[in-house]
Amino acid sequence: MRLSVILITKNEAANLRACIESVAFADQIVVVDSGSTDGTVALARELGATVLETDWPGFGPQKNRALDLADGDWVLSIDADERVTPSLAAEIRQVLAAPQFDAYEIPRLSSYCGRFIRHSGWWPDPVLRLFKRGAGRFTDVPVHERVDFAGPKGMLNAWFEHYTYPDLESALVKMNRYSTDAAQAMHARGKKSSLMGALLRGFWTFVRIYLLRRGFLDGREGFLLAVTAGTGNFYRYAKLAQLNRQTRA
């Protein structure tokens, strides 16, 4: 079975080498880039990837562009800040030798400000990333895309390592960008919000992560994660409320 690895990038030079080297066992690597200025494209080509330079239509459409360039029997979707561990690589090769399903979820162990988070609702965080080409596509949404697949799925035992937020600054930058994208997407669907609603959602997000999902067991980083997640949810709905007001005006 031929395996294609697909990923989308913008200014990921700091992450790209480790990411691509972790999937060196694949038959094809596809990178779709949206305007990098840090050498990402040149590095991707140096590492043997098939590269498409294009605009930015949102996460779902961009990943479908990468999927359309894949020519393997199977596809593994990975983000530039993720790594396939040696045990996961071995399990993927074993599964593809005699697949029992057309799609597989993979656990993901994420790092926040230098600490792997094993509570807070972040573990095992299964994501559907390995699937037979033609069996699924990404949802056509600008943020929080997923593979649209309706059949029975398998689950792998080994996991991705996800270096999503190396420091608090990067967490705040992503929080701002994602909250804007999410607010715009909800506004386009006719969703409504208010400032008080945004405040209550943000507070509930903190409580759910830090207390109900035992984020306190993740130490200092667990507290920071709960605060930034709650703040991000507050801003998501506060921005939506602002868009609602602008529309009414």
Protein backbone atom coordinates (compact mmCIF):
# COMPACT_ATOMS: atom_id res chain seq x y z
CA MET A 1 0.00 0.00 0.00
CA ARG A 2 1.38 3.40 -0.99
CA LEU A 3 1.08 6.09 1.69
CA SER A 4 0.82 9.82 1.04
CA VAL A 5 1.41 12.28 3.88
CA ILE A 6 -0.30 15.66 3.50
CA LEU A 7 0.20 18.89 5.43
CA ILE A 8 -0.53 22.59 5.06
CA THR A 9 1.93 25.31 6.02
CA LYS A 10 2.56 28.99 6.49
CA ASN A 11 5.88 30.07 7.99
CA GLU A 12 6.60 26.65 9.51
CA ALA A 13 10.35 26.50 8.82
CA ALA A 14 11.07 26.01 12.52
CA ASN A 15 8.85 22.90 12.64
CA LEU A 16 8.99 21.46 9.16
CA ARG A 17 12.22 19.44 9.19
CA ALA A 18 11.35 17.47 12.32
CA CYS A 19 7.81 16.91 11.04
CA ILE A 20 8.83 15.62 7.61
CA GLU A 21 11.70 13.53 8.96
CA SER A 22 9.22 11.79 11.28
CA VAL A 23 7.24 10.58 8.22
CA ALA A 24 10.23 9.61 6.07
CA PHE A 25 8.73 6.11 5.71
CA ALA A 26 5.91 7.51 3.49
CA ASP A 27 5.94 7.12 -0.29
CA GLN A 28 4.84 10.71 -0.94
CA ILE A 29 4.80 13.94 1.07
CA VAL A 30 2.55 16.80 -0.07
CA VAL A 31 2.92 20.34 1.30
CA VAL A 32 0.41 23.08 0.44
CA ASP A 33 1.76 26.47 1.44
CA SER A 34 -0.08 29.78 1.71
CA GLY A 35 2.47 32.56 1.40
CA SER A 36 5.36 31.60 3.67
CA THR A 37 8.19 34.13 3.91
CA ASP A 38 10.57 32.20 6.17
CA GLY A 39 11.96 29.59 3.77
CA THR A 40 9.29 26.96 4.40
CA VAL A 41 8.75 26.27 0.70
CA ALA A 42 12.45 25.87 -0.13
CA LEU A 43 12.92 23.59 2.88
CA ALA A 44 9.93 21.44 1.92
CA ARG A 45 11.35 20.94 -1.57
CA GLU A 46 14.80 20.22 -0.14
CA LEU A 47 13.21 17.48 2.00
CA GLY A 48 11.62 15.90 -1.08
CA ALA A 49 8.03 17.09 -0.74
CA THR A 50 5.65 17.87 -3.57
CA VAL A 51 4.80 21.55 -2.98
CA LEU A 52 1.85 23.69 -4.05
CA GLU A 53 2.01 27.44 -3.37
CA THR A 54 -1.46 29.00 -3.22
CA ASP A 55 -3.79 31.36 -1.36
CA TRP A 56 -5.54 30.77 1.98
CA PRO A 57 -9.20 29.67 1.73
CA GLY A 58 -9.43 28.27 5.30
CA PHE A 59 -8.28 25.06 6.97
CA GLY A 60 -10.79 22.64 5.46
CA PRO A 61 -10.51 23.78 1.83
CA GLN A 62 -6.71 23.99 2.10
CA LYS A 63 -6.41 20.44 3.39
CA ASN A 64 -8.67 19.25 0.58
CA ARG A 65 -6.27 20.86 -1.88
CA ALA A 66 -3.47 18.83 -0.34
CA LEU A 67 -5.66 15.71 -0.44
CA ASP A 68 -6.30 16.23 -4.16
CA LEU A 69 -2.53 16.08 -4.79
CA ALA A 70 -2.09 12.78 -2.93
CA ASP A 71 -1.58 9.72 -5.13
CA GLY A 72 -1.15 7.03 -2.48
CA ASP A 73 -3.63 4.29 -1.66
CA TRP A 74 -3.78 5.71 1.88
CA VAL A 75 -3.43 9.23 3.28
CA LEU A 76 -1.97 10.41 6.57
CA SER A 77 -2.83 14.01 7.45
CA ILE A 78 -0.40 15.70 9.81
CA ASP A 79 0.19 19.25 11.01
CA ALA A 80 3.62 20.86 10.90
CA ASP A 81 3.79 21.01 14.71
CA GLU A 82 3.11 17.27 15.03
CA ARG A 83 5.56 14.37 15.00
CA VAL A 84 5.00 10.71 14.18
CA THR A 85 6.83 8.75 16.86
CA PRO A 86 8.84 5.66 15.85
CA SER A 87 6.23 3.43 17.51
CA LEU A 88 3.43 5.13 15.57
CA ALA A 89 5.37 4.79 12.31
CA ALA A 90 5.80 1.08 12.95
CA GLU A 91 2.12 0.63 13.79
CA ILE A 92 1.01 2.50 10.66
CA ARG A 93 3.19 0.26 8.49
CA GLN A 94 1.78 -2.80 10.22
CA VAL A 95 -1.84 -1.67 9.82
CA LEU A 96 -1.43 -0.81 6.14
CA ALA A 97 -0.02 -4.25 5.44
CA ALA A 98 -3.48 -5.69 6.21
CA PRO A 99 -6.01 -2.94 6.98
CA GLN A 100 -9.24 -3.95 8.73
CA PHE A 101 -10.90 -0.54 8.40
CA ASP A 102 -10.91 2.28 5.84
CA ALA A 103 -10.02 4.90 8.45
CA TYR A 104 -8.15 5.07 11.75
CA GLU A 105 -8.10 7.49 14.63
CA ILE A 106 -4.75 8.27 16.26
CA PRO A 107 -4.25 9.50 19.85
CA ARG A 108 -2.46 12.81 20.19
CA LEU A 109 -0.26 13.84 23.13
CA SER A 110 0.02 17.62 23.14
CA SER A 111 2.62 19.87 24.72
CA TYR A 112 1.64 23.20 26.28
CA CYS A 113 4.41 25.62 27.24
CA GLY A 114 6.92 22.77 27.44
CA ARG A 115 4.81 20.20 29.31
CA PHE A 116 2.91 17.24 27.86
CA ILE A 117 -0.69 17.56 29.04
CA ARG A 118 -2.29 14.31 30.24
CA HIS A 119 -5.48 15.76 31.71
CA SER A 120 -7.53 18.93 30.98
CA GLY A 121 -9.46 17.02 28.30
CA TRP A 122 -6.36 16.94 26.12
CA TRP A 123 -5.53 13.25 26.37
CA PRO A 124 -5.93 10.90 24.56
CA ASP A 125 -7.50 13.37 22.06
CA PRO A 126 -8.12 10.85 19.21
CA VAL A 127 -8.11 12.42 15.73
CA LEU A 128 -9.06 10.74 12.46
CA ARG A 129 -5.94 11.23 10.34
CA LEU A 130 -5.22 7.94 8.56
CA PHE A 131 -7.70 6.93 5.87
CA LYS A 132 -8.02 5.23 2.52
CA ARG A 133 -7.83 7.77 -0.28
CA GLY A 134 -11.31 8.40 -1.63
CA ALA A 135 -13.01 7.26 1.58
CA GLY A 136 -13.23 10.72 3.11
CA ARG A 137 -12.63 14.44 2.68
CA PHE A 138 -12.18 17.35 5.04
CA THR A 139 -15.20 19.39 6.00
CA ASP A 140 -15.36 22.62 4.01
CA VAL A 141 -15.02 24.99 6.98
CA PRO A 142 -12.47 27.74 7.70
CA VAL A 143 -11.54 26.44 11.18
CA HIS A 144 -11.93 23.24 13.26
CA GLU A 145 -12.04 21.05 10.18
CA ARG A 146 -12.28 17.27 10.43
CA VAL A 147 -12.28 14.30 8.09
CA ASP A 148 -15.85 13.55 7.00
CA PHE A 149 -16.05 9.76 7.19
CA ALA A 150 -19.20 7.79 8.02
CA GLY A 151 -18.02 4.17 8.20
CA PRO A 152 -16.55 2.11 11.07
CA LYS A 153 -13.15 3.32 12.28
CA GLY A 154 -10.17 1.67 13.89
CA MET A 155 -8.02 3.12 16.67
CA LEU A 156 -4.24 2.96 16.80
CA ASN A 157 -2.38 2.52 20.08
CA ALA A 158 0.66 4.70 19.40
CA TRP A 159 0.32 8.46 19.25
CA PHE A 160 1.35 11.71 17.64
CA GLU A 161 3.43 14.16 19.64
CA HIS A 162 1.88 17.61 19.22
CA TYR A 163 4.02 20.66 19.97
CA THR A 164 1.15 23.07 19.66
CA TYR A 165 2.07 25.93 22.05
CA PRO A 166 5.80 26.17 22.79
CA ASP A 167 5.25 29.26 24.97
CA LEU A 168 2.51 31.54 26.25
CA GLU A 169 3.10 34.09 23.49
CA SER A 170 2.31 31.53 20.78
CA ALA A 171 -0.81 30.44 22.70
CA LEU A 172 -2.10 34.01 22.79
CA VAL A 173 -1.37 34.57 19.09
CA LYS A 174 -3.27 31.41 18.09
CA MET A 175 -6.09 32.22 20.51
CA ASN A 176 -6.61 35.59 18.84
CA ARG A 177 -6.50 34.19 15.30
CA TYR A 178 -8.73 31.20 16.00
CA SER A 179 -11.31 33.26 17.91
CA THR A 180 -11.59 35.66 14.97
CA ASP A 181 -11.98 32.83 12.44
CA ALA A 182 -14.55 31.05 14.62
CA ALA A 183 -16.56 34.23 15.23
CA GLN A 184 -16.70 34.99 11.51
CA ALA A 185 -17.76 31.42 10.71
CA MET A 186 -20.53 31.48 13.35
CA HIS A 187 -21.70 34.89 12.15
CA ALA A 188 -21.93 33.58 8.59
CA ARG A 189 -24.21 30.78 9.90
CA GLY A 190 -26.49 33.31 11.60
CA LYS A 191 -25.36 32.59 15.20
CA LYS A 192 -26.01 35.21 17.89
CA SER A 193 -24.15 36.20 21.04
CA SER A 194 -24.00 38.88 23.73
CA LEU A 195 -21.27 40.21 25.98
CA MET A 196 -22.79 38.50 29.04
CA GLY A 197 -23.13 35.25 27.08
CA ALA A 198 -19.47 35.48 26.07
CA LEU A 199 -18.45 36.03 29.70
CA LEU A 200 -20.44 33.02 30.92
CA ARG A 201 -19.06 30.79 28.16
CA GLY A 202 -15.50 31.81 28.98
CA PHE A 203 -15.98 31.14 32.71
CA TRP A 204 -17.61 27.76 32.06
CA THR A 205 -14.74 26.74 29.75
CA PHE A 206 -12.25 27.44 32.55
CA VAL A 207 -14.30 25.45 35.10
CA ARG A 208 -14.77 22.52 32.71
CA ILE A 209 -11.07 22.25 31.87
CA TYR A 210 -9.47 23.06 35.23
CA LEU A 211 -11.91 21.35 37.59
CA LEU A 212 -14.14 18.84 35.77
CA ARG A 213 -11.37 17.60 33.47
CA ARG A 214 -8.79 17.81 36.27
CA GLY A 215 -6.51 20.35 34.65
CA PHE A 216 -5.13 21.09 38.11
CA LEU A 217 -3.23 17.79 37.83
CA ASP A 218 -1.24 19.33 34.97
CA GLY A 219 0.33 21.84 37.35
CA ARG A 220 1.12 25.42 36.38
CA GLU A 221 0.67 24.64 32.71
CA GLY A 222 -2.78 23.19 33.38
CA PHE A 223 -3.87 26.45 35.00
CA LEU A 224 -2.47 28.53 32.14
CA LEU A 225 -4.17 26.26 29.61
CA ALA A 226 -7.56 26.61 31.33
CA VAL A 227 -7.23 30.39 31.55
CA THR A 228 -6.21 30.84 27.92
CA ALA A 229 -8.92 28.42 26.72
CA GLY A 230 -11.55 30.28 28.72
CA THR A 231 -10.28 33.62 27.47
CA GLY A 232 -10.27 32.32 23.90
CA ASN A 233 -13.89 31.20 24.19
CA PHE A 234 -14.83 34.56 25.70
CA TYR A 235 -13.21 36.40 22.78
CA ARG A 236 -14.82 34.06 20.26
CA TYR A 237 -18.32 34.97 21.42
CA ALA A 238 -17.47 38.61 22.23
CA LYS A 239 -16.24 39.03 18.64
CA LEU A 240 -19.43 37.35 17.43
CA ALA A 241 -21.50 39.78 19.51
CA GLN A 242 -19.57 42.66 17.94
CA LEU A 243 -20.26 41.32 14.45
CA ASN A 244 -23.95 41.01 15.35
CA ARG A 245 -24.01 44.66 16.42
CA GLN A 246 -22.27 45.79 13.26
CA THR A 247 -24.84 43.92 11.16
CA ARG A 248 -27.76 45.49 13.03
CA ALA A 249 -26.19 48.94 12.63
